Amino acid sequence: MDISRKRFVETMVGGSALLLFHGCGGGGSYGGGMPNPMPASGCAPMIAENHGHVLVIPLSDLDSASDKIYDIHGTADHTHSVTLIVQQLKQLKAGSTVTVTTSVTLAHTHAISVSCIVM
């Protein structure tokens, strides 16, 4: 799922180089953030079927020479892990949207769509 530039801007929090986003949970849709001014740089993960999970991607990770594994526990009563491989990190740095699936926990997964703006 590609995210439009307008939607990306609407979900960004102003003034941070490291951004934290999570959805409000519920039926089949991607969680969103609060509409705010566009910062110079940042990543905006959108977590499907979210119920409190949070994914934080430091901008420095976009230059990693190795895969990155993230824990998205947040306020949920369980956790999942998310792996972004080097190629996906490069795609994010180049401005593409990447969609990944979390690990299985309590018989479910979450699709996560991530876009980043790097200035």
PDB file of N, CA and C in Angstrom:
ATOM      1  N   MET A   1       0.845  -1.170   0.000  1.00  0.00           N
ATOM      2  CA  MET A   1       0.000   0.000   0.000  1.00  0.00           C
ATOM      3  C   MET A   1       0.889   1.230   0.000  1.00  0.00           C
ATOM      4  N   ASP A   2       0.746   2.073  -1.019  1.00  0.00           N
ATOM      5  CA  ASP A   2       1.490   3.314  -1.050  1.00  0.00           C
ATOM      6  C   ASP A   2       0.740   4.371  -0.268  1.00  0.00           C
ATOM      7  N   ILE A   3       1.497   5.204   0.420  1.00  0.00           N
ATOM      8  CA  ILE A   3       0.913   6.290   1.184  1.00  0.00           C
ATOM      9  C   ILE A   3       1.121   7.577   0.389  1.00  0.00           C
ATOM     10  N   SER A   4       0.099   8.395   0.278  1.00  0.00           N
ATOM     11  CA  SER A   4       0.226   9.640  -0.471  1.00  0.00           C
ATOM     12  C   SER A   4       1.062  10.638   0.319  1.00  0.00           C
ATOM     13  N   ARG A   5       1.658  11.573  -0.386  1.00  0.00           N
ATOM     14  CA  ARG A   5       2.443  12.608   0.276  1.00  0.00           C
ATOM     15  C   ARG A   5       1.567  13.386   1.250  1.00  0.00           C
ATOM     16  N   LYS A   6       0.314  13.678   0.835  1.00  0.00           N
ATOM     17  CA  LYS A   6      -0.601  14.410   1.714  1.00  0.00           C
ATOM     18  C   LYS A   6      -0.836  13.639   3.005  1.00  0.00           C
ATOM     19  N   ARG A   7      -1.098  12.326   2.910  1.00  0.00           N
ATOM     20  CA  ARG A   7      -1.338  11.510   4.110  1.00  0.00           C
ATOM     21  C   ARG A   7      -0.089  11.460   4.971  1.00  0.00           C
ATOM     22  N   PHE A   8       1.074  11.355   4.340  1.00  0.00           N
ATOM     23  CA  PHE A   8       2.336  11.327   5.072  1.00  0.00           C
ATOM     24  C   PHE A   8       2.502  12.615   5.864  1.00  0.00           C
ATOM     25  N   VAL A   9       2.260  13.752   5.204  1.00  0.00           N
ATOM     26  CA  VAL A   9       2.389  15.043   5.873  1.00  0.00           C
ATOM     27  C   VAL A   9       1.395  15.144   7.028  1.00  0.00           C
ATOM     28  N   GLU A  10       0.190  14.649   6.826  1.00  0.00           N
ATOM     29  CA  GLU A  10      -0.823  14.719   7.881  1.00  0.00           C
ATOM     30  C   GLU A  10      -0.434  13.909   9.108  1.00  0.00           C
ATOM     31  N   THR A  11       0.374  12.863   8.938  1.00  0.00           N
ATOM     32  CA  THR A  11       0.718  12.007  10.068  1.00  0.00           C
ATOM     33  C   THR A  11       2.040  12.373  10.736  1.00  0.00           C
ATOM     34  N   MET A  12       2.738  13.344  10.220  1.00  0.00           N
ATOM     35  CA  MET A  12       4.038  13.711  10.778  1.00  0.00           C
ATOM     36  C   MET A  12       3.887  14.682  11.948  1.00  0.00           C
ATOM     37  N   VAL A  13       4.762  14.577  12.925  1.00  0.00           N
ATOM     38  CA  VAL A  13       4.800  15.493  14.061  1.00  0.00           C
ATOM     39  C   VAL A  13       5.935  16.471  13.817  1.00  0.00           C
ATOM     40  N   GLY A  14       5.677  17.755  13.934  1.00  0.00           N
ATOM     41  CA  GLY A  14       6.672  18.772  13.631  1.00  0.00           C
ATOM     42  C   GLY A  14       7.840  18.802  14.592  1.00  0.00           C
ATOM     43  N   GLY A  15       9.036  19.133  14.037  1.00  0.00           N
ATOM     44  CA  GLY A  15      10.195  19.419  14.855  1.00  0.00           C
ATOM     45  C   GLY A  15      11.034  18.245  15.303  1.00  0.00           C
ATOM     46  N   SER A  16      10.690  17.015  15.007  1.00  0.00           N
ATOM     47  CA  SER A  16      11.474  15.868  15.477  1.00  0.00           C
ATOM     48  C   SER A  16      12.195  15.212  14.327  1.00  0.00           C
ATOM     49  N   ALA A  17      13.399  14.753  14.586  1.00  0.00           N
ATOM     50  CA  ALA A  17      14.112  13.952  13.612  1.00  0.00           C
ATOM     51  C   ALA A  17      13.836  12.479  13.837  1.00  0.00           C
ATOM     52  N   LEU A  18      13.370  12.136  15.010  1.00  0.00           N
ATOM     53  CA  LEU A  18      12.983  10.766  15.329  1.00  0.00           C
ATOM     54  C   LEU A  18      11.521  10.816  15.747  1.00  0.00           C
ATOM     55  N   LEU A  19      10.677  10.109  15.014  1.00  0.00           N
ATOM     56  CA  LEU A  19       9.246  10.247  15.246  1.00  0.00           C
ATOM     57  C   LEU A  19       8.629   8.951  15.724  1.00  0.00           C
ATOM     58  N   LEU A  20       7.600   9.089  16.514  1.00  0.00           N
ATOM     59  CA  LEU A  20       6.893   7.971  17.093  1.00  0.00           C
ATOM     60  C   LEU A  20       5.449   8.041  16.638  1.00  0.00           C
ATOM     61  N   PHE A  21       4.971   6.982  15.994  1.00  0.00           N
ATOM     62  CA  PHE A  21       3.599   6.966  15.523  1.00  0.00           C
ATOM     63  C   PHE A  21       2.966   5.643  15.867  1.00  0.00           C
ATOM     64  N   HIS A  22       1.689   5.674  16.151  1.00  0.00           N
ATOM     65  CA  HIS A  22       0.937   4.446  16.310  1.00  0.00           C
ATOM     66  C   HIS A  22      -0.527   4.736  16.027  1.00  0.00           C
ATOM     67  N   GLY A  23      -1.247   3.713  15.654  1.00  0.00           N
ATOM     68  CA  GLY A  23      -2.657   3.880  15.343  1.00  0.00           C
ATOM     69  C   GLY A  23      -3.526   3.656  16.560  1.00  0.00           C
ATOM     70  N   CYS A  24      -4.801   3.840  16.362  1.00  0.00           N
ATOM     71  CA  CYS A  24      -5.745   3.747  17.459  1.00  0.00           C
ATOM     72  C   CYS A  24      -6.433   2.397  17.531  1.00  0.00           C
ATOM     73  N   GLY A  25      -6.069   1.487  16.696  1.00  0.00           N
ATOM     74  CA  GLY A  25      -6.669   0.165  16.731  1.00  0.00           C
ATOM     75  C   GLY A  25      -7.944   0.118  15.921  1.00  0.00           C
ATOM     76  N   GLY A  26      -8.529  -1.066  15.860  1.00  0.00           N
ATOM     77  CA  GLY A  26      -9.779  -1.205  15.161  1.00  0.00           C
ATOM     78  C   GLY A  26      -9.627  -1.929  13.862  1.00  0.00           C
ATOM     79  N   GLY A  27     -10.725  -2.176  13.303  1.00  0.00           N
ATOM     80  CA  GLY A  27     -11.028  -3.030  12.220  1.00  0.00           C
ATOM     81  C   GLY A  27     -10.302  -2.976  10.920  1.00  0.00           C
ATOM     82  N   GLY A  28      -9.331  -3.396  10.426  1.00  0.00           N
ATOM     83  CA  GLY A  28      -8.862  -3.481   9.076  1.00  0.00           C
ATOM     84  C   GLY A  28      -8.212  -2.250   8.515  1.00  0.00           C
ATOM     85  N   SER A  29      -8.262  -1.137   9.163  1.00  0.00           N
ATOM     86  CA  SER A  29      -7.658   0.053   8.584  1.00  0.00           C
ATOM     87  C   SER A  29      -6.305   0.303   9.223  1.00  0.00           C
ATOM     88  N   TYR A  30      -5.531   1.128   8.553  1.00  0.00           N
ATOM     89  CA  TYR A  30      -4.227   1.474   9.088  1.00  0.00           C
ATOM     90  C   TYR A  30      -4.400   2.530  10.153  1.00  0.00           C
ATOM     91  N   GLY A  31      -3.642   2.419  11.231  1.00  0.00           N
ATOM     92  CA  GLY A  31      -3.684   3.438  12.268  1.00  0.00           C
ATOM     93  C   GLY A  31      -3.073   4.717  11.735  1.00  0.00           C
ATOM     94  N   GLY A  32      -3.440   5.819  12.270  1.00  0.00           N
ATOM     95  CA  GLY A  32      -2.914   7.088  11.806  1.00  0.00           C
ATOM     96  C   GLY A  32      -2.335   7.883  12.937  1.00  0.00           C
ATOM     97  N   GLY A  33      -1.738   8.991  12.616  1.00  0.00           N
ATOM     98  CA  GLY A  33      -1.212   9.893  13.620  1.00  0.00           C
ATOM     99  C   GLY A  33      -2.051  11.151  13.653  1.00  0.00           C
ATOM    100  N   MET A  34      -1.576  12.124  14.404  1.00  0.00           N
ATOM    101  CA  MET A  34      -2.274  13.397  14.505  1.00  0.00           C
ATOM    102  C   MET A  34      -1.777  14.324  13.404  1.00  0.00           C
ATOM    103  N   PRO A  35      -2.656  15.095  12.750  1.00  0.00           N
ATOM    104  CA  PRO A  35      -2.191  16.034  11.738  1.00  0.00           C
ATOM    105  C   PRO A  35      -1.348  17.132  12.381  1.00  0.00           C
ATOM    106  N   ASN A  36      -0.165  17.342  11.862  1.00  0.00           N
ATOM    107  CA  ASN A  36       0.753  18.349  12.373  1.00  0.00           C
ATOM    108  C   ASN A  36       1.615  18.882  11.247  1.00  0.00           C
ATOM    109  N   PRO A  37       2.357  19.963  11.478  1.00  0.00           N
ATOM    110  CA  PRO A  37       3.245  20.493  10.451  1.00  0.00           C
ATOM    111  C   PRO A  37       4.319  19.485  10.075  1.00  0.00           C
ATOM    112  N   MET A  38       4.807  19.592   8.862  1.00  0.00           N
ATOM    113  CA  MET A  38       5.821  18.677   8.340  1.00  0.00           C
ATOM    114  C   MET A  38       7.192  19.010   8.915  1.00  0.00           C
ATOM    115  N   PRO A  39       7.882  18.025   9.515  1.00  0.00           N
ATOM    116  CA  PRO A  39       9.240  18.263   9.975  1.00  0.00           C
ATOM    117  C   PRO A  39      10.210  18.154   8.809  1.00  0.00           C
ATOM    118  N   ALA A  40      11.456  18.488   9.044  1.00  0.00           N
ATOM    119  CA  ALA A  40      12.468  18.371   8.004  1.00  0.00           C
ATOM    120  C   ALA A  40      12.684  16.915   7.622  1.00  0.00           C
ATOM    121  N   SER A  41      12.671  16.001   8.587  1.00  0.00           N
ATOM    122  CA  SER A  41      12.926  14.589   8.332  1.00  0.00           C
ATOM    123  C   SER A  41      12.122  13.733   9.303  1.00  0.00           C
ATOM    124  N   GLY A  42      11.893  12.479   8.922  1.00  0.00           N
ATOM    125  CA  GLY A  42      11.237  11.544   9.823  1.00  0.00           C
ATOM    126  C   GLY A  42      10.595  10.378   9.113  1.00  0.00           C
ATOM    127  N   CYS A  43      10.192   9.379   9.863  1.00  0.00           N
ATOM    128  CA  CYS A  43       9.529   8.187   9.340  1.00  0.00           C
ATOM    129  C   CYS A  43       8.144   8.081   9.952  1.00  0.00           C
ATOM    130  N   ALA A  44       7.192   7.610   9.148  1.00  0.00           N
ATOM    131  CA  ALA A  44       5.813   7.490   9.611  1.00  0.00           C
ATOM    132  C   ALA A  44       5.300   6.073   9.362  1.00  0.00           C
ATOM    133  N   PRO A  45       5.444   5.194  10.337  1.00  0.00           N
ATOM    134  CA  PRO A  45       4.874   3.851  10.205  1.00  0.00           C
ATOM    135  C   PRO A  45       3.358   3.872  10.402  1.00  0.00           C
ATOM    136  N   MET A  46       2.654   3.092   9.608  1.00  0.00           N
ATOM    137  CA  MET A  46       1.209   2.932   9.727  1.00  0.00           C
ATOM    138  C   MET A  46       0.986   1.445   9.997  1.00  0.00           C
ATOM    139  N   ILE A  47       0.411   1.106  11.147  1.00  0.00           N
ATOM    140  CA  ILE A  47       0.259  -0.281  11.584  1.00  0.00           C
ATOM    141  C   ILE A  47      -1.195  -0.707  11.421  1.00  0.00           C
ATOM    142  N   ALA A  48      -1.432  -1.729  10.596  1.00  0.00           N
ATOM    143  CA  ALA A  48      -2.784  -2.232  10.355  1.00  0.00           C
ATOM    144  C   ALA A  48      -3.283  -3.005  11.566  1.00  0.00           C
ATOM    145  N   GLU A  49      -4.598  -2.940  11.784  1.00  0.00           N
ATOM    146  CA  GLU A  49      -5.227  -3.683  12.873  1.00  0.00           C
ATOM    147  C   GLU A  49      -4.534  -3.398  14.207  1.00  0.00           C
ATOM    148  N   ASN A  50      -4.154  -2.162  14.412  1.00  0.00           N
ATOM    149  CA  ASN A  50      -3.341  -1.817  15.574  1.00  0.00           C
ATOM    150  C   ASN A  50      -4.161  -1.768  16.855  1.00  0.00           C
ATOM    151  N   HIS A  51      -3.533  -2.175  17.932  1.00  0.00           N
ATOM    152  CA  HIS A  51      -4.138  -2.116  19.257  1.00  0.00           C
ATOM    153  C   HIS A  51      -3.081  -1.731  20.288  1.00  0.00           C
ATOM    154  N   GLY A  52      -2.343  -0.679  19.959  1.00  0.00           N
ATOM    155  CA  GLY A  52      -1.381  -0.130  20.899  1.00  0.00           C
ATOM    156  C   GLY A  52       0.077  -0.310  20.554  1.00  0.00           C
ATOM    157  N   HIS A  53       0.385  -0.968  19.445  1.00  0.00           N
ATOM    158  CA  HIS A  53       1.785  -1.166  19.065  1.00  0.00           C
ATOM    159  C   HIS A  53       2.393   0.134  18.537  1.00  0.00           C
ATOM    160  N   VAL A  54       3.701   0.274  18.710  1.00  0.00           N
ATOM    161  CA  VAL A  54       4.417   1.462  18.275  1.00  0.00           C
ATOM    162  C   VAL A  54       5.729   1.034  17.616  1.00  0.00           C
ATOM    163  N   LEU A  55       6.010   1.605  16.457  1.00  0.00           N
ATOM    164  CA  LEU A  55       7.277   1.353  15.766  1.00  0.00           C
ATOM    165  C   LEU A  55       8.036   2.664  15.656  1.00  0.00           C
ATOM    166  N   VAL A  56       9.256   2.674  16.177  1.00  0.00           N
ATOM    167  CA  VAL A  56      10.130   3.844  16.104  1.00  0.00           C
ATOM    168  C   VAL A  56      11.337   3.463  15.255  1.00  0.00           C
ATOM    169  N   ILE A  57      11.607   4.246  14.213  1.00  0.00           N
ATOM    170  CA  ILE A  57      12.747   4.001  13.336  1.00  0.00           C
ATOM    171  C   ILE A  57      13.656   5.224  13.386  1.00  0.00           C
ATOM    172  N   PRO A  58      14.805   5.111  14.057  1.00  0.00           N
ATOM    173  CA  PRO A  58      15.753   6.230  14.051  1.00  0.00           C
ATOM    174  C   PRO A  58      16.255   6.477  12.626  1.00  0.00           C
ATOM    175  N   LEU A  59      16.358   7.723  12.225  1.00  0.00           N
ATOM    176  CA  LEU A  59      16.843   8.031  10.876  1.00  0.00           C
ATOM    177  C   LEU A  59      18.233   7.447  10.628  1.00  0.00           C
ATOM    178  N   SER A  60      19.042   7.329  11.663  1.00  0.00           N
ATOM    179  CA  SER A  60      20.383   6.755  11.496  1.00  0.00           C
ATOM    180  C   SER A  60      20.316   5.305  11.026  1.00  0.00           C
ATOM    181  N   ASP A  61      19.223   4.602  11.315  1.00  0.00           N
ATOM    182  CA  ASP A  61      19.069   3.208  10.860  1.00  0.00           C
ATOM    183  C   ASP A  61      18.970   3.102   9.347  1.00  0.00           C
ATOM    184  N   LEU A  62      18.563   4.176   8.668  1.00  0.00           N
ATOM    185  CA  LEU A  62      18.420   4.131   7.214  1.00  0.00           C
ATOM    186  C   LEU A  62      19.765   3.987   6.511  1.00  0.00           C
ATOM    187  N   ASP A  63      20.855   4.224   7.221  1.00  0.00           N
ATOM    188  CA  ASP A  63      22.209   4.061   6.671  1.00  0.00           C
ATOM    189  C   ASP A  63      22.862   2.760   7.122  1.00  0.00           C
ATOM    190  N   SER A  64      22.117   1.890   7.765  1.00  0.00           N
ATOM    191  CA  SER A  64      22.680   0.664   8.319  1.00  0.00           C
ATOM    192  C   SER A  64      23.160  -0.295   7.230  1.00  0.00           C
ATOM    193  N   ALA A  65      24.277  -0.962   7.502  1.00  0.00           N
ATOM    194  CA  ALA A  65      24.805  -1.984   6.606  1.00  0.00           C
ATOM    195  C   ALA A  65      24.322  -3.373   7.025  1.00  0.00           C
ATOM    196  N   SER A  66      23.456  -3.427   8.041  1.00  0.00           N
ATOM    197  CA  SER A  66      22.900  -4.712   8.471  1.00  0.00           C
ATOM    198  C   SER A  66      21.396  -4.555   8.710  1.00  0.00           C
ATOM    199  N   ASP A  67      20.679  -5.676   8.647  1.00  0.00           N
ATOM    200  CA  ASP A  67      19.238  -5.669   8.882  1.00  0.00           C
ATOM    201  C   ASP A  67      18.953  -5.139  10.288  1.00  0.00           C
ATOM    202  N   LYS A  68      17.795  -4.535  10.457  1.00  0.00           N
ATOM    203  CA  LYS A  68      17.392  -3.997  11.755  1.00  0.00           C
ATOM    204  C   LYS A  68      16.121  -4.702  12.225  1.00  0.00           C
ATOM    205  N   ILE A  69      16.095  -5.087  13.494  1.00  0.00           N
ATOM    206  CA  ILE A  69      14.927  -5.721  14.090  1.00  0.00           C
ATOM    207  C   ILE A  69      14.384  -4.788  15.164  1.00  0.00           C
ATOM    208  N   TYR A  70      13.082  -4.523  15.103  1.00  0.00           N
ATOM    209  CA  TYR A  70      12.437  -3.602  16.029  1.00  0.00           C
ATOM    210  C   TYR A  70      11.371  -4.337  16.836  1.00  0.00           C
ATOM    211  N   ASP A  71      11.236  -3.967  18.094  1.00  0.00           N
ATOM    212  CA  ASP A  71      10.176  -4.450  18.959  1.00  0.00           C
ATOM    213  C   ASP A  71       9.080  -3.395  18.941  1.00  0.00           C
ATOM    214  N   ILE A  72       7.829  -3.791  18.698  1.00  0.00           N
ATOM    215  CA  ILE A  72       6.748  -2.805  18.592  1.00  0.00           C
ATOM    216  C   ILE A  72       5.743  -2.934  19.735  1.00  0.00           C
ATOM    217  N   HIS A  73       6.192  -3.309  20.904  1.00  0.00           N
ATOM    218  CA  HIS A  73       5.306  -3.552  22.043  1.00  0.00           C
ATOM    219  C   HIS A  73       4.329  -2.400  22.279  1.00  0.00           C
ATOM    220  N   GLY A  74       4.823  -1.198  22.470  1.00  0.00           N
ATOM    221  CA  GLY A  74       3.952  -0.053  22.746  1.00  0.00           C
ATOM    222  C   GLY A  74       3.115  -0.287  23.990  1.00  0.00           C
ATOM    223  N   THR A  75       1.827   0.018  23.920  1.00  0.00           N
ATOM    224  CA  THR A  75       0.930  -0.176  25.062  1.00  0.00           C
ATOM    225  C   THR A  75       0.111  -1.461  24.944  1.00  0.00           C
ATOM    226  N   ALA A  76       0.372  -2.272  23.930  1.00  0.00           N
ATOM    227  CA  ALA A  76      -0.341  -3.543  23.760  1.00  0.00           C
ATOM    228  C   ALA A  76       0.050  -4.506  24.886  1.00  0.00           C
ATOM    229  N   ASP A  77      -0.746  -5.547  25.093  1.00  0.00           N
ATOM    230  CA  ASP A  77      -0.438  -6.527  26.143  1.00  0.00           C
ATOM    231  C   ASP A  77       0.483  -7.635  25.647  1.00  0.00           C
ATOM    232  N   HIS A  78       1.053  -7.460  24.468  1.00  0.00           N
ATOM    233  CA  HIS A  78       1.989  -8.423  23.889  1.00  0.00           C
ATOM    234  C   HIS A  78       2.886  -7.656  22.919  1.00  0.00           C
ATOM    235  N   THR A  79       3.868  -8.335  22.372  1.00  0.00           N
ATOM    236  CA  THR A  79       4.767  -7.660  21.445  1.00  0.00           C
ATOM    237  C   THR A  79       4.875  -8.438  20.146  1.00  0.00           C
ATOM    238  N   HIS A  80       5.406  -7.777  19.140  1.00  0.00           N
ATOM    239  CA  HIS A  80       5.765  -8.378  17.852  1.00  0.00           C
ATOM    240  C   HIS A  80       7.127  -7.815  17.494  1.00  0.00           C
ATOM    241  N   SER A  81       7.834  -8.510  16.629  1.00  0.00           N
ATOM    242  CA  SER A  81       9.065  -7.943  16.088  1.00  0.00           C
ATOM    243  C   SER A  81       8.844  -7.652  14.605  1.00  0.00           C
ATOM    244  N   VAL A  82       9.590  -6.678  14.127  1.00  0.00           N
ATOM    245  CA  VAL A  82       9.543  -6.262  12.733  1.00  0.00           C
ATOM    246  C   VAL A  82      10.975  -6.207  12.240  1.00  0.00           C
ATOM    247  N   THR A  83      11.240  -6.812  11.101  1.00  0.00           N
ATOM    248  CA  THR A  83      12.578  -6.772  10.519  1.00  0.00           C
ATOM    249  C   THR A  83      12.547  -5.946   9.241  1.00  0.00           C
ATOM    250  N   LEU A  84      13.450  -4.988   9.148  1.00  0.00           N
ATOM    251  CA  LEU A  84      13.688  -4.252   7.911  1.00  0.00           C
ATOM    252  C   LEU A  84      15.070  -4.655   7.420  1.00  0.00           C
ATOM    253  N   ILE A  85      15.113  -5.229   6.227  1.00  0.00           N
ATOM    254  CA  ILE A  85      16.406  -5.639   5.663  1.00  0.00           C
ATOM    255  C   ILE A  85      17.097  -4.416   5.062  1.00  0.00           C
ATOM    256  N   VAL A  86      18.390  -4.543   4.812  1.00  0.00           N
ATOM    257  CA  VAL A  86      19.196  -3.420   4.312  1.00  0.00           C
ATOM    258  C   VAL A  86      18.560  -2.799   3.072  1.00  0.00           C
ATOM    259  N   GLN A  87      18.097  -3.617   2.145  1.00  0.00           N
ATOM    260  CA  GLN A  87      17.491  -3.096   0.920  1.00  0.00           C
ATOM    261  C   GLN A  87      16.257  -2.247   1.225  1.00  0.00           C
ATOM    262  N   GLN A  88      15.452  -2.667   2.180  1.00  0.00           N
ATOM    263  CA  GLN A  88      14.267  -1.884   2.560  1.00  0.00           C
ATOM    264  C   GLN A  88      14.664  -0.569   3.222  1.00  0.00           C
ATOM    265  N   LEU A  89      15.711  -0.590   4.033  1.00  0.00           N
ATOM    266  CA  LEU A  89      16.196   0.644   4.652  1.00  0.00           C
ATOM    267  C   LEU A  89      16.671   1.623   3.589  1.00  0.00           C
ATOM    268  N   LYS A  90      17.338   1.110   2.555  1.00  0.00           N
ATOM    269  CA  LYS A  90      17.784   1.961   1.440  1.00  0.00           C
ATOM    270  C   LYS A  90      16.583   2.535   0.687  1.00  0.00           C
ATOM    271  N   GLN A  91      15.553   1.713   0.498  1.00  0.00           N
ATOM    272  CA  GLN A  91      14.342   2.192  -0.174  1.00  0.00           C
ATOM    273  C   GLN A  91      13.686   3.314   0.625  1.00  0.00           C
ATOM    274  N   LEU A  92      13.626   3.153   1.952  1.00  0.00           N
ATOM    275  CA  LEU A  92      13.050   4.196   2.798  1.00  0.00           C
ATOM    276  C   LEU A  92      13.847   5.485   2.687  1.00  0.00           C
ATOM    277  N   LYS A  93      15.172   5.362   2.697  1.00  0.00           N
ATOM    278  CA  LYS A  93      16.019   6.551   2.586  1.00  0.00           C
ATOM    279  C   LYS A  93      15.807   7.258   1.250  1.00  0.00           C
ATOM    280  N   ALA A  94      15.509   6.479   0.207  1.00  0.00           N
ATOM    281  CA  ALA A  94      15.281   7.039  -1.124  1.00  0.00           C
ATOM    282  C   ALA A  94      13.869   7.611  -1.290  1.00  0.00           C
ATOM    283  N   GLY A  95      13.032   7.479  -0.260  1.00  0.00           N
ATOM    284  CA  GLY A  95      11.693   8.060  -0.310  1.00  0.00           C
ATOM    285  C   GLY A  95      10.585   7.100  -0.701  1.00  0.00           C
ATOM    286  N   SER A  96      10.896   5.829  -0.865  1.00  0.00           N
ATOM    287  CA  SER A  96       9.872   4.840  -1.202  1.00  0.00           C
ATOM    288  C   SER A  96       9.109   4.402   0.047  1.00  0.00           C
ATOM    289  N   THR A  97       7.949   3.832  -0.160  1.00  0.00           N
ATOM    290  CA  THR A  97       7.164   3.231   0.913  1.00  0.00           C
ATOM    291  C   THR A  97       7.473   1.745   0.950  1.00  0.00           C
ATOM    292  N   VAL A  98       7.663   1.216   2.142  1.00  0.00           N
ATOM    293  CA  VAL A  98       7.964  -0.206   2.337  1.00  0.00           C
ATOM    294  C   VAL A  98       6.865  -0.792   3.212  1.00  0.00           C
ATOM    295  N   THR A  99       6.380  -1.978   2.829  1.00  0.00           N
ATOM    296  CA  THR A  99       5.385  -2.682   3.631  1.00  0.00           C
ATOM    297  C   THR A  99       5.973  -4.009   4.089  1.00  0.00           C
ATOM    298  N   VAL A 100       5.874  -4.270   5.392  1.00  0.00           N
ATOM    299  CA  VAL A 100       6.388  -5.504   5.990  1.00  0.00           C
ATOM    300  C   VAL A 100       5.307  -6.093   6.890  1.00  0.00           C
ATOM    301  N   THR A 101       5.516  -7.344   7.281  1.00  0.00           N
ATOM    302  CA  THR A 101       4.603  -8.021   8.198  1.00  0.00           C
ATOM    303  C   THR A 101       5.361  -8.364   9.469  1.00  0.00           C
ATOM    304  N   THR A 102       4.720  -8.184  10.607  1.00  0.00           N
ATOM    305  CA  THR A 102       5.337  -8.476  11.901  1.00  0.00           C
ATOM    306  C   THR A 102       5.455  -9.981  12.124  1.00  0.00           C
ATOM    307  N   SER A 103       6.144 -10.331  13.181  1.00  0.00           N
ATOM    308  CA  SER A 103       6.171 -11.715  13.640  1.00  0.00           C
ATOM    309  C   SER A 103       4.776 -12.104  14.133  1.00  0.00           C
ATOM    310  N   VAL A 104       4.537 -13.410  14.228  1.00  0.00           N
ATOM    311  CA  VAL A 104       3.256 -13.915  14.729  1.00  0.00           C
ATOM    312  C   VAL A 104       3.301 -13.969  16.254  1.00  0.00           C
ATOM    313  N   THR A 105       2.314 -13.359  16.891  1.00  0.00           N
ATOM    314  CA  THR A 105       2.137 -13.426  18.350  1.00  0.00           C
ATOM    315  C   THR A 105       0.641 -13.551  18.610  1.00  0.00           C
ATOM    316  N   LEU A 106       0.251 -14.409  19.506  1.00  0.00           N
ATOM    317  CA  LEU A 106      -1.161 -14.630  19.832  1.00  0.00           C
ATOM    318  C   LEU A 106      -1.992 -14.865  18.565  1.00  0.00           C
ATOM    319  N   ALA A 107      -1.424 -15.655  17.665  1.00  0.00           N
ATOM    320  CA  ALA A 107      -2.092 -16.082  16.426  1.00  0.00           C
ATOM    321  C   ALA A 107      -2.447 -14.941  15.474  1.00  0.00           C
ATOM    322  N   HIS A 108      -1.689 -13.840  15.507  1.00  0.00           N
ATOM    323  CA  HIS A 108      -1.941 -12.780  14.536  1.00  0.00           C
ATOM    324  C   HIS A 108      -0.650 -12.031  14.197  1.00  0.00           C
ATOM    325  N   THR A 109      -0.709 -11.309  13.083  1.00  0.00           N
ATOM    326  CA  THR A 109       0.376 -10.434  12.633  1.00  0.00           C
ATOM    327  C   THR A 109      -0.231  -9.069  12.328  1.00  0.00           C
ATOM    328  N   HIS A 110       0.637  -8.124  11.991  1.00  0.00           N
ATOM    329  CA  HIS A 110       0.207  -6.801  11.545  1.00  0.00           C
ATOM    330  C   HIS A 110       1.004  -6.439  10.294  1.00  0.00           C
ATOM    331  N   ALA A 111       0.337  -5.877   9.309  1.00  0.00           N
ATOM    332  CA  ALA A 111       1.028  -5.291   8.160  1.00  0.00           C
ATOM    333  C   ALA A 111       1.429  -3.881   8.569  1.00  0.00           C
ATOM    334  N   ILE A 112       2.658  -3.510   8.233  1.00  0.00           N
ATOM    335  CA  ILE A 112       3.142  -2.172   8.559  1.00  0.00           C
ATOM    336  C   ILE A 112       3.659  -1.522   7.279  1.00  0.00           C
ATOM    337  N   SER A 113       3.154  -0.344   6.992  1.00  0.00           N
ATOM    338  CA  SER A 113       3.596   0.441   5.849  1.00  0.00           C
ATOM    339  C   SER A 113       4.381   1.635   6.390  1.00  0.00           C
ATOM    340  N   VAL A 114       5.603   1.817   5.876  1.00  0.00           N
ATOM    341  CA  VAL A 114       6.478   2.870   6.387  1.00  0.00           C
ATOM    342  C   VAL A 114       6.930   3.758   5.236  1.00  0.00           C
ATOM    343  N   SER A 115       6.906   5.058   5.468  1.00  0.00           N
ATOM    344  CA  SER A 115       7.471   6.053   4.554  1.00  0.00           C
ATOM    345  C   SER A 115       8.351   6.971   5.381  1.00  0.00           C
ATOM    346  N   CYS A 116       9.429   7.460   4.771  1.00  0.00           N
ATOM    347  CA  CYS A 116      10.332   8.386   5.452  1.00  0.00           C
ATOM    348  C   CYS A 116      10.655   9.558   4.536  1.00  0.00           C
ATOM    349  N   ILE A 117      10.897  10.685   5.155  1.00  0.00           N
ATOM    350  CA  ILE A 117      11.439  11.844   4.450  1.00  0.00           C
ATOM    351  C   ILE A 117      12.762  12.168   5.111  1.00  0.00           C
ATOM    352  N   VAL A 118      13.810  12.170   4.312  1.00  0.00           N
ATOM    353  CA  VAL A 118      15.148  12.451   4.812  1.00  0.00           C
ATOM    354  C   VAL A 118      15.663  13.684   4.102  1.00  0.00           C
ATOM    355  N   MET A 119      15.922  14.728   4.849  1.00  0.00           N
ATOM    356  CA  MET A 119      16.416  15.983   4.271  1.00  0.00           C
ATOM    357  C   MET A 119      17.893  16.107   4.555  1.00  0.00           C
TER     358      MET A 119
END
